Amino acid sequence: MIDPGRIISYVAISIILLFGIAIVSGLFLEFDLKMRIGIGIVIALYVIIRVKIMTHKSKPRSMLRYRDTGED
């Protein structure tokens, strides 16, 4: 089943990432180079952390609760 919340999250991340690329490249708003690089780093970290959180939540609870120890 398709989760609408997940789709909305991915669309939001994509918009934020495109907005960050536009700022860093100088297409949107007028910032000096140091400010653009700082904004780019912050947006990149946000996207990486957000994707990590989303992929962590996607694992079923049974996989998180029971680990394979290799013993039979």
C-alpha atoms as a PDB file:
ATOM      1  CA  MET A   1       0.000   0.000   0.000  1.00  0.00           C
ATOM      2  CA  ILE A   2       1.230   3.464  -0.831  1.00  0.00           C
ATOM      3  CA  ASP A   3       1.801   5.734   2.142  1.00  0.00           C
ATOM      4  CA  PRO A   4       0.715   9.310   1.284  1.00  0.00           C
ATOM      5  CA  GLY A   5       2.772  10.714   4.165  1.00  0.00           C
ATOM      6  CA  ARG A   6       5.940   9.223   2.715  1.00  0.00           C
ATOM      7  CA  ILE A   7       5.197  10.673  -0.733  1.00  0.00           C
ATOM      8  CA  ILE A   8       4.577  14.119   0.762  1.00  0.00           C
ATOM      9  CA  SER A   9       7.836  13.863   2.722  1.00  0.00           C
ATOM     10  CA  TYR A  10       9.849  13.005  -0.382  1.00  0.00           C
ATOM     11  CA  VAL A  11       8.224  15.847  -2.344  1.00  0.00           C
ATOM     12  CA  ALA A  12       8.995  18.282   0.496  1.00  0.00           C
ATOM     13  CA  ILE A  13      12.623  17.132   0.649  1.00  0.00           C
ATOM     14  CA  SER A  14      12.923  17.542  -3.117  1.00  0.00           C
ATOM     15  CA  ILE A  15      11.551  21.088  -2.982  1.00  0.00           C
ATOM     16  CA  ILE A  16      13.913  22.033  -0.150  1.00  0.00           C
ATOM     17  CA  LEU A  17      16.857  20.517  -2.022  1.00  0.00           C
ATOM     18  CA  LEU A  18      15.998  22.386  -5.244  1.00  0.00           C
ATOM     19  CA  PHE A  19      15.573  25.620  -3.268  1.00  0.00           C
ATOM     20  CA  GLY A  20      19.007  25.069  -1.695  1.00  0.00           C
ATOM     21  CA  ILE A  21      20.606  24.415  -5.076  1.00  0.00           C
ATOM     22  CA  ALA A  22      19.052  27.610  -6.438  1.00  0.00           C
ATOM     23  CA  ILE A  23      20.437  29.647  -3.520  1.00  0.00           C
ATOM     24  CA  VAL A  24      23.921  28.112  -3.709  1.00  0.00           C
ATOM     25  CA  SER A  25      24.149  28.612  -7.468  1.00  0.00           C
ATOM     26  CA  GLY A  26      23.008  32.224  -7.117  1.00  0.00           C
ATOM     27  CA  LEU A  27      19.782  31.878  -9.098  1.00  0.00           C
ATOM     28  CA  PHE A  28      17.568  32.837  -6.174  1.00  0.00           C
ATOM     29  CA  LEU A  29      18.160  35.684  -3.702  1.00  0.00           C
ATOM     30  CA  GLU A  30      21.367  37.684  -3.553  1.00  0.00           C
ATOM     31  CA  PHE A  31      23.868  36.429  -0.982  1.00  0.00           C
ATOM     32  CA  ASP A  32      27.636  36.645  -0.963  1.00  0.00           C
ATOM     33  CA  LEU A  33      29.639  33.469  -1.546  1.00  0.00           C
ATOM     34  CA  LYS A  34      30.299  32.670   2.129  1.00  0.00           C
ATOM     35  CA  MET A  35      26.612  32.966   2.963  1.00  0.00           C
ATOM     36  CA  ARG A  36      25.612  30.766   0.010  1.00  0.00           C
ATOM     37  CA  ILE A  37      28.074  28.043   1.001  1.00  0.00           C
ATOM     38  CA  GLY A  38      26.814  28.117   4.601  1.00  0.00           C
ATOM     39  CA  ILE A  39      23.197  27.851   3.490  1.00  0.00           C
ATOM     40  CA  GLY A  40      24.118  24.996   1.152  1.00  0.00           C
ATOM     41  CA  ILE A  41      25.818  23.063   3.955  1.00  0.00           C
ATOM     42  CA  VAL A  42      22.850  23.529   6.294  1.00  0.00           C
ATOM     43  CA  ILE A  43      20.350  22.413   3.653  1.00  0.00           C
ATOM     44  CA  ALA A  44      22.491  19.407   2.681  1.00  0.00           C
ATOM     45  CA  LEU A  45      22.770  18.305   6.325  1.00  0.00           C
ATOM     46  CA  TYR A  46      19.015  18.729   6.792  1.00  0.00           C
ATOM     47  CA  VAL A  47      18.255  16.575   3.751  1.00  0.00           C
ATOM     48  CA  ILE A  48      20.725  13.854   4.786  1.00  0.00           C
ATOM     49  CA  ILE A  49      19.383  13.682   8.346  1.00  0.00           C
ATOM     50  CA  ARG A  50      15.772  13.732   7.156  1.00  0.00           C
ATOM     51  CA  VAL A  51      16.331  10.869   4.706  1.00  0.00           C
ATOM     52  CA  LYS A  52      18.172   8.849   7.385  1.00  0.00           C
ATOM     53  CA  ILE A  53      15.239   9.310   9.780  1.00  0.00           C
ATOM     54  CA  MET A  54      12.738   8.318   7.094  1.00  0.00           C
ATOM     55  CA  THR A  55      14.637   5.158   6.162  1.00  0.00           C
ATOM     56  CA  HIS A  56      15.042   4.196   9.819  1.00  0.00           C
ATOM     57  CA  LYS A  57      11.288   4.466  10.433  1.00  0.00           C
ATOM     58  CA  SER A  58      10.498   2.356   7.386  1.00  0.00           C
ATOM     59  CA  LYS A  59      11.920  -0.841   8.896  1.00  0.00           C
ATOM     60  CA  PRO A  60       9.312  -3.180  10.372  1.00  0.00           C
ATOM     61  CA  ARG A  61       9.324  -3.441  14.140  1.00  0.00           C
ATOM     62  CA  SER A  62       9.988  -7.169  13.986  1.00  0.00           C
ATOM     63  CA  MET A  63      13.296  -6.493  12.222  1.00  0.00           C
ATOM     64  CA  LEU A  64      14.320  -3.967  14.855  1.00  0.00           C
ATOM     65  CA  ARG A  65      13.277  -6.137  17.777  1.00  0.00           C
ATOM     66  CA  TYR A  66      14.758  -9.482  16.737  1.00  0.00           C
ATOM     67  CA  ARG A  67      18.307  -9.706  15.520  1.00  0.00           C
ATOM     68  CA  ASP A  68      19.881 -12.713  13.893  1.00  0.00           C
ATOM     69  CA  THR A  69      22.662 -13.907  16.180  1.00  0.00           C
ATOM     70  CA  GLY A  70      23.784 -16.637  13.797  1.00  0.00           C
ATOM     71  CA  GLU A  71      22.945 -19.391  16.281  1.00  0.00           C
ATOM     72  CA  ASP A  72      20.556 -22.167  15.264  1.00  0.00           C
END
